Protein backbone atom coordinates (compact mmCIF):
# COMPACT_ATOMS: atom_id res chain seq x y z
CA MET A 1 0.00 0.00 0.00
CA SER A 2 1.12 3.59 -0.59
CA ASP A 3 2.39 5.85 2.17
CA ALA A 4 -0.67 8.05 1.64
CA VAL A 5 -2.95 5.19 2.62
CA THR A 6 -1.01 4.45 5.80
CA LYS A 7 -0.65 8.04 7.09
CA PHE A 8 -3.52 7.66 9.53
CA ARG A 9 -2.93 4.69 11.77
CA PRO A 10 -6.03 4.03 13.86
CA PRO A 11 -5.34 2.95 17.44
CA VAL A 12 -5.99 -0.71 18.25
CA THR A 13 -6.92 -2.02 21.71
CA VAL A 14 -6.62 -5.76 22.32
CA LEU A 15 -8.79 -7.42 24.97
CA SER A 16 -7.41 -10.70 26.32
CA GLY A 17 -8.26 -12.84 29.31
CA PHE A 18 -9.15 -16.38 30.21
CA LEU A 19 -12.53 -17.96 29.50
CA GLY A 20 -15.30 -16.31 31.48
CA ALA A 21 -13.20 -13.35 32.66
CA GLY A 22 -15.73 -10.89 31.21
CA LYS A 23 -14.12 -9.66 27.98
CA THR A 24 -17.36 -9.57 26.01
CA THR A 25 -19.21 -7.77 28.81
CA LEU A 26 -16.45 -5.17 29.00
CA LEU A 27 -16.46 -4.79 25.22
CA ARG A 28 -20.23 -4.28 25.12
CA HIS A 29 -19.93 -1.70 27.90
CA LEU A 30 -17.28 0.19 25.90
CA LEU A 31 -19.35 0.10 22.72
CA ALA A 32 -22.35 1.51 24.57
CA GLN A 33 -20.22 4.62 25.08
CA ALA A 34 -19.33 5.04 21.40
CA GLU A 35 -21.84 7.90 21.00
CA GLY A 36 -21.61 7.94 17.22
CA ARG A 37 -17.87 7.44 17.00
CA LYS A 38 -16.85 4.92 14.36
CA TRP A 39 -15.30 1.98 16.15
CA ALA A 40 -14.64 -1.32 14.42
CA VAL A 41 -14.56 -4.58 16.34
CA VAL A 42 -12.81 -7.87 15.53
CA VAL A 43 -14.10 -10.82 17.56
CA ASN A 44 -12.15 -14.07 17.58
CA ASP A 45 -13.52 -17.47 18.55
CA VAL A 46 -11.84 -20.87 18.28
CA ALA A 47 -15.19 -22.43 17.36
CA ALA A 48 -16.94 -22.38 14.00
CA ILE A 49 -19.90 -20.47 15.48
CA ASN A 50 -18.78 -17.12 16.89
CA VAL A 51 -21.18 -16.56 19.78
CA ASP A 52 -19.36 -13.49 21.10
CA ALA A 53 -19.62 -11.75 17.74
CA GLN A 54 -23.37 -12.26 17.82
CA LEU A 55 -23.52 -10.70 21.29
CA VAL A 56 -21.43 -7.71 20.21
CA ALA A 57 -23.32 -7.07 16.98
CA GLY A 58 -25.58 -4.08 17.40
CA ALA A 59 -23.94 -2.94 20.64
CA GLY A 60 -22.63 0.25 19.09
CA ALA A 61 -19.81 -0.78 16.74
CA ALA A 62 -19.67 0.69 13.25
CA ARG A 63 -18.52 -2.70 12.00
CA VAL A 64 -18.06 -6.16 13.50
CA VAL A 65 -15.72 -8.69 11.89
CA GLU A 66 -15.83 -12.35 12.97
CA LEU A 67 -12.72 -14.51 13.00
CA GLY A 68 -13.50 -18.13 13.86
CA ASN A 69 -12.00 -21.60 13.69
CA GLY A 70 -8.74 -20.64 15.36
CA CYS A 71 -6.86 -18.31 17.67
CA VAL A 72 -5.46 -14.93 16.59
CA CYS A 73 -2.20 -15.45 18.47
CA CYS A 74 -1.30 -18.51 16.39
CA SER A 75 -3.45 -20.39 13.84
CA VAL A 76 -5.37 -17.42 12.38
CA LYS A 77 -2.91 -14.62 13.11
CA ASP A 78 -2.44 -13.94 9.39
CA SER A 79 -6.19 -13.48 9.07
CA LEU A 80 -6.13 -11.01 11.95
CA ALA A 81 -3.31 -9.03 10.33
CA GLU A 82 -5.15 -8.88 7.01
CA THR A 83 -8.40 -7.88 8.71
CA VAL A 84 -6.88 -5.06 10.77
CA ALA A 85 -4.88 -3.79 7.78
CA GLU A 86 -8.06 -3.70 5.71
CA LEU A 87 -10.01 -1.87 8.42
CA ALA A 88 -7.19 0.64 8.81
CA ALA A 89 -6.58 1.21 5.10
CA GLY A 90 -9.78 3.06 4.37
CA GLY A 91 -9.39 5.49 7.24
CA ALA A 92 -13.06 5.07 8.13
CA TYR A 93 -12.63 3.91 11.72
CA GLU A 94 -11.41 5.97 14.66
CA HIS A 95 -10.56 2.97 16.83
CA ILE A 96 -10.29 -0.80 16.36
CA LEU A 97 -11.01 -3.19 19.22
CA ILE A 98 -9.97 -6.83 19.15
CA GLU A 99 -11.52 -9.40 21.48
CA THR A 100 -9.32 -12.50 21.52
CA THR A 101 -10.25 -16.02 22.54
CA GLY A 102 -9.97 -17.07 26.15
CA VAL A 103 -6.82 -19.05 25.39
CA ALA A 104 -4.97 -16.40 23.36
CA GLU A 105 -1.57 -15.14 24.47
CA PRO A 106 -1.25 -11.33 24.06
CA ARG A 107 2.42 -11.59 23.16
CA GLY A 108 1.51 -13.35 19.90
CA VAL A 109 -0.86 -10.55 18.92
CA ALA A 110 1.67 -7.84 19.80
CA ASP A 111 4.21 -9.61 17.63
CA LEU A 112 2.05 -8.93 14.55
CA PHE A 113 2.50 -5.19 15.11
CA LEU A 114 6.25 -5.45 15.71
CA ARG A 115 7.70 -8.17 13.50
CA LYS A 116 8.57 -7.27 9.91
CA ASN A 117 7.50 -9.62 7.14
CA ALA A 118 9.47 -10.57 4.02
CA PHE A 119 8.63 -7.14 2.55
CA TRP A 120 9.84 -5.31 5.68
CA ARG A 121 6.34 -4.30 6.66
CA SER A 122 4.48 -5.02 9.88
CA LEU A 123 0.91 -4.49 11.01
CA GLY A 124 2.26 -1.51 12.95
CA ASP A 125 2.75 0.28 9.62
CA PHE A 126 -1.03 0.30 9.12
CA ALA A 127 -2.43 0.57 12.66
CA GLN A 128 -1.08 1.66 16.03
CA LEU A 129 -1.26 -0.83 18.88
CA SER A 130 -2.68 1.32 21.67
CA ALA A 131 -2.88 -1.15 24.55
CA LEU A 132 -2.87 -4.80 25.51
CA VAL A 133 -5.65 -5.19 28.07
CA THR A 134 -6.01 -8.39 30.11
CA VAL A 135 -9.31 -8.97 31.88
CA ILE A 136 -9.08 -11.12 35.02
CA ASP A 137 -11.90 -12.69 37.01
CA ALA A 138 -10.66 -12.05 40.55
CA ARG A 139 -12.18 -15.13 42.20
CA SER A 140 -11.43 -17.46 39.30
CA PHE A 141 -7.79 -16.37 39.30
CA LEU A 142 -7.43 -17.27 42.96
CA ASP A 143 -9.43 -20.47 42.59
CA GLU A 144 -7.28 -21.63 39.66
CA GLN A 145 -4.10 -20.85 41.58
CA ARG A 146 -5.32 -22.89 44.54
CA ARG A 147 -6.55 -25.68 42.23
CA SER A 148 -3.13 -25.82 40.66
CA ARG A 149 -1.47 -26.15 44.05
CA ARG A 150 -3.91 -28.90 45.07
CA ALA A 151 -3.12 -30.72 41.85
CA VAL A 152 0.56 -30.57 42.72
CA ALA A 153 -0.18 -32.15 46.11
CA MET A 154 -2.25 -34.86 44.45
CA ASP A 155 0.52 -35.48 41.93
CA MET A 156 3.00 -35.92 44.76
CA GLU A 157 0.67 -38.34 46.54
CA THR A 158 0.17 -40.32 43.32
CA GLU A 159 3.91 -40.48 42.81
CA GLU A 160 4.41 -41.83 46.31
CA ARG A 161 1.82 -44.54 45.63
CA ARG A 162 3.54 -45.39 42.37
CA LYS A 163 6.86 -45.75 44.16
CA ARG A 164 5.21 -48.16 46.57
CA GLY A 165 3.99 -50.22 43.62
CA GLU A 166 0.41 -49.03 43.76
CA LYS A 167 -1.63 -48.04 40.71
CA GLY A 168 -1.49 -44.52 39.34
CA GLU A 169 0.55 -42.56 36.87
CA ARG A 170 2.03 -39.11 37.05
CA GLU A 171 2.62 -36.57 34.33
CA GLY A 172 6.32 -36.60 33.61
CA PHE A 173 8.91 -34.12 32.48
CA PRO A 174 9.89 -32.57 30.21
CA GLY A 175 6.93 -31.18 28.31
CA GLY A 176 3.30 -31.77 29.11
CA ARG A 177 0.24 -29.63 28.49
CA LYS A 178 0.44 -26.04 29.69
CA PRO A 179 -1.54 -25.71 32.95
CA VAL A 180 -4.53 -23.33 32.90
CA PHE A 181 -3.06 -21.12 35.59
CA GLU A 182 0.18 -20.73 33.63
CA LEU A 183 -1.85 -19.42 30.68
CA MET A 184 -3.60 -16.95 32.99
CA VAL A 185 -0.21 -15.80 34.25
CA ASP A 186 1.14 -15.42 30.70
CA GLN A 187 -1.85 -13.23 29.84
CA ALA A 188 -1.21 -11.04 32.89
CA GLU A 189 2.53 -10.73 32.30
CA CYS A 190 2.19 -9.20 28.82
CA ALA A 191 -0.29 -6.38 29.36
CA ASP A 192 -0.43 -2.61 29.63
CA VAL A 193 -3.66 -2.71 31.65
CA LEU A 194 -4.92 -5.39 34.03
CA VAL A 195 -8.68 -5.13 34.53
CA LEU A 196 -9.54 -6.96 37.74
CA ASN A 197 -13.16 -7.79 37.03
CA LYS A 198 -16.10 -9.13 39.09
CA CYS A 199 -14.75 -7.45 42.22
CA ASP A 200 -18.24 -7.52 43.70
CA LEU A 201 -17.94 -11.33 43.90
CA ALA A 202 -14.72 -11.34 45.93
CA SER A 203 -13.81 -10.19 49.41
CA GLU A 204 -11.44 -7.33 50.06
CA ALA A 205 -8.83 -9.79 51.33
CA GLU A 206 -9.11 -11.84 48.14
CA LEU A 207 -8.84 -8.74 45.97
CA ALA A 208 -5.74 -7.62 47.85
CA GLU A 209 -4.21 -11.06 47.40
CA VAL A 210 -4.85 -11.12 43.65
CA ALA A 211 -3.60 -7.55 43.27
CA GLY A 212 -0.40 -8.47 45.10
CA VAL A 213 0.23 -11.42 42.80
CA LEU A 214 -0.50 -9.40 39.65
CA ARG A 215 1.77 -6.56 40.70
CA ALA A 216 4.53 -9.07 41.41
CA LEU A 217 4.12 -10.64 37.96
CA ASN A 218 3.79 -7.39 36.00
CA PRO A 219 4.85 -4.28 37.94
CA ARG A 220 4.49 -2.02 34.89
CA ALA A 221 0.81 -2.59 34.08
CA GLU A 222 -1.92 -0.30 35.33
CA LEU A 223 -4.33 -2.20 37.59
CA LEU A 224 -8.01 -1.31 37.63
CA ARG A 225 -10.69 -2.88 39.84
CA VAL A 226 -14.14 -3.04 38.23
CA GLU A 227 -17.52 -4.69 38.57
CA ARG A 228 -19.44 -6.19 35.63
CA GLY A 229 -16.87 -4.92 33.13
CA GLN A 230 -17.76 -1.27 33.66
CA VAL A 231 -14.81 0.78 32.43
CA ALA A 232 -14.94 4.35 31.15
CA SER A 233 -14.03 4.35 27.46
CA GLU A 234 -12.12 7.63 27.81
CA TRP A 235 -9.86 6.09 30.43
CA LEU A 236 -9.21 2.83 28.58
CA LEU A 237 -9.12 4.06 24.99
CA GLY A 238 -8.05 7.67 25.47
CA ARG A 239 -4.27 7.26 25.28
CA VAL A 240 -1.58 4.97 23.93
CA ARG A 241 0.01 2.75 26.57
CA PHE A 242 1.71 0.07 24.49
CA ASP A 243 5.49 0.19 24.11
CA GLY A 244 7.22 -2.35 21.90
CA VAL A 245 10.03 -2.81 24.39
CA GLU A 246 8.49 -2.04 27.77
CA THR A 247 5.20 -3.93 27.35
CA VAL A 248 6.71 -7.08 25.86
CA GLY A 249 9.42 -7.07 28.50
CA ALA A 250 7.17 -6.10 31.42
CA ALA A 251 7.12 -9.50 33.13
CA ARG A 252 9.17 -9.31 36.28
CA TRP A 253 11.10 -12.50 35.49
CA ILE A 254 12.26 -10.89 32.22
CA ARG A 255 13.31 -7.71 34.02
CA VAL A 256 15.32 -9.70 36.55
CA ILE A 257 17.11 -11.75 33.89
CA LYS A 258 17.88 -8.61 31.88
CA GLY A 259 19.28 -6.94 34.99
CA GLU A 260 16.68 -4.16 34.99
CA GLU A 261 15.97 -5.01 38.62
CA LYS A 262 19.22 -4.83 40.51
CA SER A 263 20.45 -7.96 42.20
CA GLY A 264 23.50 -8.84 44.18
CA GLY A 265 25.54 -12.03 44.28
CA GLY A 266 24.82 -14.71 41.68
CA GLY A 267 27.15 -15.10 38.74
CA ALA A 268 29.28 -17.97 37.52
CA ALA A 269 29.55 -19.61 40.92
CA GLY A 270 25.82 -20.29 40.89
CA ARG A 271 25.00 -18.09 43.89
CA MET A 272 21.41 -17.02 44.51
CA ALA A 273 20.85 -13.31 43.96
CA ILE A 274 18.25 -11.28 45.83
CA THR A 275 16.72 -8.18 44.32
CA ALA A 276 18.05 -5.13 46.09
CA ARG A 277 14.99 -2.98 45.52
CA PRO A 278 11.29 -3.34 44.76
CA ALA A 279 9.96 -3.32 41.21
CA VAL A 280 9.70 -0.03 39.36
CA ALA A 281 6.71 2.30 39.11
CA PRO A 282 3.74 2.43 38.85
CA HIS A 283 3.55 0.01 41.82
CA PRO A 284 6.82 0.57 43.74
CA ARG A 285 5.48 -0.54 47.12
CA HIS A 286 4.22 -4.04 46.32
CA GLU A 287 7.37 -5.71 47.64
CA ALA A 288 7.06 -3.98 51.00
CA ASP A 289 3.27 -4.32 51.11
CA TYR A 290 3.07 -7.99 50.15
CA GLY A 291 6.52 -9.32 51.05
CA ILE A 292 7.20 -10.35 47.47
CA THR A 293 10.84 -10.81 46.49
CA SER A 294 12.77 -12.07 43.48
CA PHE A 295 15.75 -14.37 43.27
CA VAL A 296 17.87 -15.19 40.25
CA TRP A 297 20.04 -18.32 40.23
CA GLU A 298 22.82 -18.65 37.70
CA ALA A 299 25.41 -21.36 37.17
CA ARG A 300 27.85 -22.49 34.49
CA ARG A 301 27.72 -26.18 35.33
CA ALA A 302 25.23 -28.67 33.91
CA LEU A 303 22.35 -30.12 35.91
CA VAL A 304 21.95 -33.83 36.57
CA ARG A 305 18.60 -34.76 35.05
CA GLU A 306 17.50 -37.16 37.78
CA LYS A 307 18.38 -34.76 40.60
CA PHE A 308 16.78 -31.72 38.96
CA PHE A 309 13.51 -33.42 38.04
CA ALA A 310 13.38 -35.10 41.44
CA TRP A 311 13.57 -31.63 42.99
CA LEU A 312 10.74 -30.42 40.76
CA ASP A 313 8.71 -33.52 41.66
CA SER A 314 9.35 -33.27 45.38
CA GLY A 315 7.46 -30.04 45.84
CA LEU A 316 8.46 -26.48 45.03
CA PRO A 317 9.03 -23.90 47.77
CA GLU A 318 6.01 -22.66 49.70
CA GLY A 319 5.10 -19.15 48.61
CA LEU A 320 6.52 -19.51 45.08
CA LEU A 321 4.34 -17.51 42.67
CA ARG A 322 6.37 -17.76 39.50
CA ALA A 323 9.59 -19.25 38.19
CA LYS A 324 10.90 -19.05 34.68
CA GLY A 325 14.16 -19.35 32.83
CA PHE A 326 16.67 -21.57 31.04
CA PHE A 327 18.42 -24.74 32.14
CA TRP A 328 21.12 -27.06 30.80
CA LEU A 329 21.24 -30.82 31.37
CA ALA A 330 24.46 -32.84 31.50
CA ASP A 331 23.03 -35.74 29.46
CA GLN A 332 21.45 -33.47 26.83
CA PRO A 333 24.09 -30.77 26.36
CA GLU A 334 22.96 -29.57 22.92
CA ASP A 335 19.37 -28.70 23.84
CA MET A 336 18.24 -25.51 25.59
CA GLY A 337 15.84 -26.31 28.41
CA PHE A 338 13.10 -23.94 29.50
CA LEU A 339 11.33 -24.06 32.86
CA SER A 340 8.01 -22.39 33.70
CA VAL A 341 6.31 -22.60 37.09
CA ALA A 342 2.92 -21.06 37.90
CA GLY A 343 0.59 -21.98 40.72
CA GLY A 344 3.07 -24.52 42.02
CA ARG A 345 3.01 -26.57 38.80
CA ALA A 346 6.20 -26.95 36.80
CA ARG A 347 6.50 -27.41 33.06
CA ALA A 348 9.88 -28.17 31.51
CA GLU A 349 10.56 -28.44 27.80
CA PHE A 350 13.31 -28.01 25.23
CA VAL A 351 12.93 -24.90 23.08
CA GLY A 352 16.00 -24.90 20.85
CA THR A 353 19.71 -25.61 20.54
CA TRP A 354 22.46 -23.83 22.43
CA VAL A 355 24.46 -21.60 20.08
CA ALA A 356 27.67 -23.20 21.36
CA ALA A 357 26.41 -26.57 20.11
CA LEU A 358 25.52 -25.09 16.71
CA ARG A 359 29.03 -23.66 16.41
CA LYS A 360 30.69 -26.91 17.43
CA SER A 361 28.68 -28.92 14.89
CA GLY A 362 29.50 -26.46 12.12
CA VAL A 363 25.92 -25.27 11.61
CA ILE A 364 27.04 -21.69 12.19
CA ALA A 365 30.41 -20.00 12.02
CA GLU A 366 32.07 -17.96 14.76
CA ALA A 367 31.12 -14.74 12.98
CA GLU A 368 27.45 -15.75 12.94
CA ILE A 369 27.06 -15.89 16.72
CA SER A 370 24.41 -13.33 17.64
CA GLY A 371 24.95 -10.42 19.97
CA ALA A 372 22.42 -11.87 22.41
CA ALA A 373 24.37 -15.13 22.63
CA ARG A 374 27.66 -13.24 22.92
CA ALA A 375 26.29 -11.33 25.90
CA LYS A 376 25.76 -14.66 27.70
CA TRP A 377 28.98 -16.29 26.46
CA ALA A 378 31.57 -17.79 28.82
CA GLU A 379 34.15 -20.37 27.82
CA PRO A 380 34.40 -23.32 27.80
CA HIS A 381 30.61 -23.80 27.60
CA GLY A 382 29.60 -20.82 25.46
CA ASP A 383 26.02 -19.74 26.06
CA ARG A 384 25.08 -22.89 28.02
CA ARG A 385 23.92 -21.88 31.47
CA GLN A 386 21.44 -22.15 34.31
CA GLU A 387 19.43 -18.93 34.50
CA LEU A 388 16.29 -19.27 36.61
CA VAL A 389 14.22 -16.51 38.20
CA PHE A 390 12.04 -17.18 41.25
CA ILE A 391 9.31 -14.78 42.44
CA GLY A 392 7.33 -15.32 45.60
CA THR A 393 6.61 -14.49 49.21
CA GLY A 394 8.80 -15.63 52.07
CA LEU A 395 11.23 -17.48 49.82
CA ASP A 396 14.35 -18.83 51.53
CA ALA A 397 17.09 -17.73 49.15
CA GLU A 398 19.88 -19.66 50.82
CA LYS A 399 17.90 -22.90 50.89
CA LEU A 400 16.92 -22.50 47.24
CA ARG A 401 20.54 -21.89 46.29
CA GLU A 402 21.78 -24.91 48.19
CA THR A 403 19.06 -27.17 46.79
CA LEU A 404 19.73 -26.15 43.21
CA GLU A 405 23.51 -26.38 43.55
CA ALA A 406 23.07 -29.93 44.86
CA CYS A 407 21.52 -30.77 41.46
CA LEU A 408 24.62 -29.68 39.53
CA ALA A 409 26.93 -32.23 37.93
């Protein structure tokens, strides 16, 4: 398209959130405030019949586009890009709202606006991503977190029975299906605004608990408590909040790994580092208010598979809210391991090949090693490393360090 067509880039607000969080209710409430303004809406549903689109139709949108049979963060993301580009091209709409499926990950949608295609164009050339908004059902969030922890306890009990020769199987590592609570956490970690919905159905203590967890996971996002999805359109749609660097890197575990939250200790010896200060604004007091701290563990020795997975199986530390990062196994030295913990449930998988292994096998030359890999490079193992971030309340840093170091080869 010509530059003339793309001069006006309508703002785009993306509504994400798990099933039943209240995205459609919030969207309908926003559209009721359109007051003649031309807003276009894209409604995504993984099913063939788009029920949400039918609910939104006639609620005040100038145009409603249905995207079904897939999720906009993965299987139908190209369709989303084409749809938004088409809506933006004519210059007829003042704002575009996207309601994603309950299982969509906001990071995948943001990527459409940031990543250049083969023609060096991105969706951001046609429309401006204004904000990633994650809607959270306060009670459901807490219930799912507790359910996840109960499942861990049941898994441990089943494993003990299995060891005694009794019937019962346990989900093994690595891999496995992503737990529901981990998806909810992912949606909260990549957001400019966290809308804590259905607050009338939760107690003040429960709301404070959820708010504390959310601020620990994503200290950058603005947090708004609402009932029945009632949000003022001027507040939510009135200004651009998305930042291609800050939003995508807002998760606290990312900030800790990148060194944006200061930490002491750690390093090649595999010491546990404790954050020296609370997370940055707009919620600088959450560490003091809720006792939430971060630890980063780094080491340049490989982990023994049996010891590491036995530690994961034996029960993670009480008070652990989130853990994420990379690991390296002694018996699988070429593959980059990735650990994610949410709600007490751990998921480990292999996500690629260490650059050092690619160089050794001749797949890439020395000159082709990326700057990111160089920044993590240390001979004789190259970019292979243990780099795990732990976020929680009342975590015993020294005990965590000792336990993890005992798993090293």
